[in-house]
Protein backbone atom coordinates (compact mmCIF):
# COMPACT_ATOMS: atom_id res chain seq x y z
CA UNK A 1 124.20 71.47 79.65
CA UNK A 2 121.03 70.76 77.77
CA UNK A 3 119.71 73.97 76.15
CA UNK A 4 116.27 75.05 77.41
CA UNK A 5 113.17 74.97 74.99
CA UNK A 6 112.94 78.70 75.75
CA UNK A 7 116.31 79.33 74.08
CA UNK A 8 115.38 77.16 71.08
CA UNK A 9 112.16 78.94 70.34
CA UNK A 10 113.61 82.38 71.23
CA UNK A 11 110.94 82.92 73.70
CA UNK A 12 112.00 86.39 75.05
CA UNK A 13 112.80 89.50 73.19
CA UNK A 14 116.29 90.02 74.53
CA UNK A 15 119.16 88.79 72.05
CA UNK A 16 120.94 85.67 73.14
CA UNK A 17 124.73 85.95 73.40
CA UNK A 18 125.95 82.45 73.71
CA UNK A 19 129.62 83.58 73.64
CA UNK A 20 129.23 85.60 76.76
CA UNK A 21 129.01 84.32 80.51
CA UNK A 22 125.49 85.90 80.77
CA UNK A 23 123.60 85.04 77.59
CA UNK A 24 120.78 87.59 78.45
CA UNK A 25 122.53 90.28 80.55
CA UNK A 26 119.47 92.45 81.15
CA UNK A 27 117.13 89.66 82.06
CA UNK A 28 119.97 88.31 84.21
CA UNK A 29 120.74 91.56 86.09
CA UNK A 30 117.09 92.39 86.68
CA UNK A 31 116.70 89.54 89.10
CA UNK A 32 118.61 91.44 91.65
CA UNK A 33 115.21 93.02 92.70
CA UNK A 34 114.30 89.71 94.18
CA UNK A 35 117.71 89.57 96.10
CA UNK A 36 116.95 93.05 97.38
CA UNK A 37 113.45 92.41 98.61
CA UNK A 38 114.81 89.12 100.22
CA UNK A 39 117.28 91.12 102.20
CA UNK A 40 114.43 93.47 103.34
CA UNK A 41 112.24 90.56 104.44
CA UNK A 42 115.28 89.08 106.42
CA UNK A 43 115.44 92.19 108.39
CA UNK A 44 111.74 92.25 109.17
CA UNK A 45 111.80 88.65 110.13
CA UNK A 46 114.82 89.44 112.51
CA UNK A 47 112.97 92.38 113.79
CA UNK A 48 109.92 90.16 114.55
CA UNK A 49 112.18 87.56 116.15
CA UNK A 50 113.40 90.17 118.65
CA UNK A 51 109.75 91.43 119.40
CA UNK A 52 108.32 87.88 119.45
CA UNK A 53 106.63 88.31 122.96
CA UNK A 54 104.85 91.57 121.87
CA UNK A 55 100.98 90.69 122.64
CA UNK A 56 99.77 93.35 120.12
CA UNK A 57 101.76 92.09 117.19
CA UNK A 58 99.81 90.53 114.29
CA UNK A 59 99.76 86.81 113.66
CA UNK A 60 102.40 87.09 110.82
CA UNK A 61 104.60 89.28 113.16
CA UNK A 62 104.51 86.53 115.68
CA UNK A 63 105.60 83.95 113.07
CA UNK A 64 109.18 85.21 111.90
CA UNK A 65 110.26 81.90 110.54
CA UNK A 66 107.62 82.25 107.84
CA UNK A 67 108.83 85.76 106.99
CA UNK A 68 112.27 84.13 106.76
CA UNK A 69 111.02 81.43 104.58
CA UNK A 70 109.53 83.98 102.08
CA UNK A 71 112.85 85.94 102.13
CA UNK A 72 114.82 82.78 101.36
CA UNK A 73 112.43 82.16 98.27
CA UNK A 74 112.94 85.66 97.12
CA UNK A 75 116.77 85.02 97.03
CA UNK A 76 116.31 81.67 95.64
CA UNK A 77 114.27 82.95 92.79
CA UNK A 78 116.84 85.76 92.30
CA UNK A 79 119.65 83.22 91.76
CA UNK A 80 117.33 80.63 90.04
CA UNK A 81 116.07 83.06 87.41
CA UNK A 82 119.45 84.77 87.12
CA UNK A 83 120.92 81.25 86.41
CA UNK A 84 118.34 80.54 83.76
CA UNK A 85 118.57 83.79 81.96
CA UNK A 86 122.49 83.62 81.98
CA UNK A 87 122.71 80.12 80.75
CA UNK A 88 119.38 79.52 78.91
CA UNK A 89 119.58 75.82 79.95
CA UNK A 90 116.87 73.20 80.79
CA UNK A 91 118.08 72.66 84.33
CA UNK A 92 118.09 76.60 84.78
CA UNK A 93 114.52 76.76 83.61
CA UNK A 94 113.48 74.04 85.96
CA UNK A 95 115.15 75.88 89.02
CA UNK A 96 113.69 79.10 87.80
CA UNK A 97 110.14 77.75 87.84
CA UNK A 98 110.58 75.89 91.10
CA UNK A 99 111.66 79.22 92.72
CA UNK A 100 108.54 80.89 91.28
CA UNK A 101 106.37 78.19 92.64
CA UNK A 102 108.24 78.37 96.01
CA UNK A 103 107.45 82.13 96.30
CA UNK A 104 103.87 81.83 95.51
CA UNK A 105 103.45 78.78 97.84
CA UNK A 106 105.17 80.77 100.49
CA UNK A 107 102.55 83.63 100.13
CA UNK A 108 99.69 81.18 100.22
CA UNK A 109 100.97 79.58 103.45
CA UNK A 110 101.34 83.16 105.01
CA UNK A 111 97.78 83.91 103.85
CA UNK A 112 96.48 80.64 105.43
CA UNK A 113 98.24 81.30 108.62
CA UNK A 114 96.81 84.82 108.87
CA UNK A 115 93.27 83.45 108.10
CA UNK A 116 93.28 80.37 110.25
CA UNK A 117 95.66 80.84 113.15
CA UNK A 118 94.30 83.06 115.95
CA UNK A 119 96.84 82.23 118.63
CA UNK A 120 100.73 82.43 119.05
CA UNK A 121 102.52 79.39 117.68
CA UNK A 122 105.45 77.81 119.52
CA UNK A 123 108.88 77.79 117.88
CA UNK A 124 108.67 74.06 117.44
CA UNK A 125 105.38 74.25 115.54
CA UNK A 126 106.75 77.11 113.41
CA UNK A 127 109.77 75.11 112.48
CA UNK A 128 107.60 72.07 111.54
CA UNK A 129 105.46 74.09 109.32
CA UNK A 130 108.36 75.80 107.59
CA UNK A 131 109.97 72.36 107.10
CA UNK A 132 106.90 71.04 105.52
CA UNK A 133 106.71 73.95 103.29
CA UNK A 134 110.36 73.28 102.13
CA UNK A 135 109.32 69.55 101.35
CA UNK A 136 106.24 70.86 99.46
CA UNK A 137 108.24 73.37 97.34
CA UNK A 138 110.78 70.58 96.58
CA UNK A 139 107.89 68.29 95.41
CA UNK A 140 107.01 70.85 92.86
CA UNK A 141 110.08 70.01 91.05
CA UNK A 142 108.76 66.73 89.59
CA UNK A 143 105.22 67.98 89.70
CA UNK A 144 106.16 70.76 87.31
CA UNK A 145 107.16 68.20 84.65
CA UNK A 146 103.81 66.66 84.72
CA UNK A 147 101.59 69.79 84.81
CA UNK A 148 102.20 72.89 82.52
CA UNK A 149 103.06 75.97 84.13
CA UNK A 150 100.24 77.70 82.20
CA UNK A 151 97.83 75.60 84.49
CA UNK A 152 99.72 75.31 87.61
CA UNK A 153 100.78 78.81 88.18
CA UNK A 154 97.36 80.57 87.49
CA UNK A 155 95.83 77.93 89.69
CA UNK A 156 98.18 79.14 92.54
CA UNK A 157 97.42 82.73 91.75
CA UNK A 158 93.73 82.03 92.05
CA UNK A 159 94.17 80.27 95.33
CA UNK A 160 96.05 83.35 96.58
CA UNK A 161 93.23 85.50 95.37
CA UNK A 162 90.64 83.48 97.26
CA UNK A 163 92.68 83.54 100.54
CA UNK A 164 93.42 87.30 100.29
CA UNK A 165 89.60 87.90 99.78
CA UNK A 166 88.78 85.84 102.79
CA UNK A 167 91.49 87.68 104.74
CA UNK A 168 89.71 90.94 103.94
CA UNK A 169 86.14 89.91 104.84
CA UNK A 170 87.18 88.36 108.17
CA UNK A 171 87.80 91.81 109.80
CA UNK A 172 87.41 94.48 106.98
CA UNK A 173 87.81 97.45 109.36
CA UNK A 174 91.34 96.04 110.22
CA UNK A 175 92.58 95.38 106.68
CA UNK A 176 94.32 97.63 104.24
CA UNK A 177 92.80 96.56 100.84
CA UNK A 178 94.96 98.96 98.89
CA UNK A 179 98.00 96.66 99.31
CA UNK A 180 96.08 93.58 98.01
CA UNK A 181 94.61 95.52 95.13
CA UNK A 182 97.98 96.86 94.29
CA UNK A 183 99.48 93.34 94.44
CA UNK A 184 97.19 91.92 91.88
CA UNK A 185 97.18 95.12 89.80
CA UNK A 186 100.90 94.80 89.38
CA UNK A 187 100.62 91.14 88.65
CA UNK A 188 98.01 91.85 85.89
CA UNK A 189 100.35 94.48 84.26
CA UNK A 190 103.37 92.08 84.49
CA UNK A 191 101.41 89.29 82.75
CA UNK A 192 100.50 91.64 79.88
CA UNK A 193 104.04 92.89 79.60
CA UNK A 194 105.36 89.22 79.54
CA UNK A 195 102.82 88.30 76.91
CA UNK A 196 103.94 91.38 74.80
CA UNK A 197 107.60 90.38 75.19
CA UNK A 198 106.89 86.82 74.06
CA UNK A 199 104.93 88.04 71.14
CA UNK A 200 107.79 90.30 70.36
CA UNK A 201 105.63 93.51 70.41
CA UNK A 202 107.72 96.68 70.73
CA UNK A 203 110.66 94.45 70.75
CA UNK A 204 114.24 95.62 70.42
CA UNK A 205 116.59 92.62 71.23
CA UNK A 206 119.71 94.87 71.68
CA UNK A 207 117.94 97.43 74.00
CA UNK A 208 118.66 97.80 77.65
CA UNK A 209 114.90 98.15 78.15
CA UNK A 210 113.45 94.70 78.12
CA UNK A 211 109.92 93.51 78.83
CA UNK A 212 110.87 90.50 80.79
CA UNK A 213 113.15 92.46 83.05
CA UNK A 214 110.16 94.74 83.88
CA UNK A 215 108.30 91.45 84.53
CA UNK A 216 110.87 90.63 87.08
CA UNK A 217 110.46 94.08 88.91
CA UNK A 218 106.64 94.05 88.69
CA UNK A 219 106.26 90.43 90.01
CA UNK A 220 108.82 91.03 92.83
CA UNK A 221 106.90 94.22 93.97
CA UNK A 222 103.58 92.50 93.50
CA UNK A 223 104.81 89.75 95.87
CA UNK A 224 106.11 92.17 98.47
CA UNK A 225 102.88 94.09 98.36
CA UNK A 226 100.97 90.76 99.03
CA UNK A 227 103.15 90.09 101.98
CA UNK A 228 102.63 93.39 103.44
CA UNK A 229 98.86 93.11 102.93
CA UNK A 230 98.86 89.91 105.11
CA UNK A 231 101.28 91.54 107.63
CA UNK A 232 99.86 94.94 108.20
CA UNK A 233 96.64 95.84 110.05
CA UNK A 234 94.88 99.18 110.11
CA UNK A 235 95.20 99.44 113.94
CA UNK A 236 99.07 99.29 113.45
CA UNK A 237 98.96 102.14 110.99
CA UNK A 238 97.31 104.51 113.40
CA UNK A 239 99.78 104.13 116.19
């Protein structure tokens, strides 16, 4: 397969072992955090499905298909990013980025539903919305070839920031801002660590401690915190 530009420019600190099955083992194994969080979300979605008729449930809890969509994107990113770091191929990099966009778009969709939808949605409408999201995520495969990730991804992060802010100011007494602040705080730290890893600052290519592996953990946890920020309400915590 065609080697990625990332491999040719030695983008990340970890040493590339082309003779091994996993070229960058630490950066590959660290993607298991996305898989683990995906399993957690599948369980939450299943729990929501069983309690679908609960009138006191939040909007997101009444929309289990969207939680499952996010869970699938977590798992998709686990395999996509794992495939990229294990192969350092062009196609692996494309799948990795598409999965990253998919996870971010899913969070944006969850935020929009929480902000705009105030009534229970039928299963048919939920399925249609999730299907439309799948087509949108697939559409980002060719779009990512036209627009640099340095423009596209920050734009999506900004949209998520705007939606999460609107979500808080709608009903501030019911929101838990700490989860949203924690999400963006972890993301800011992750971006800094990734930049240091690319710049080879405090870099040991043979160490089991890799900055990009920490990026995987921080971004996965940031995404989970953002989901919980949209999902939870203060009234639910006091019960």
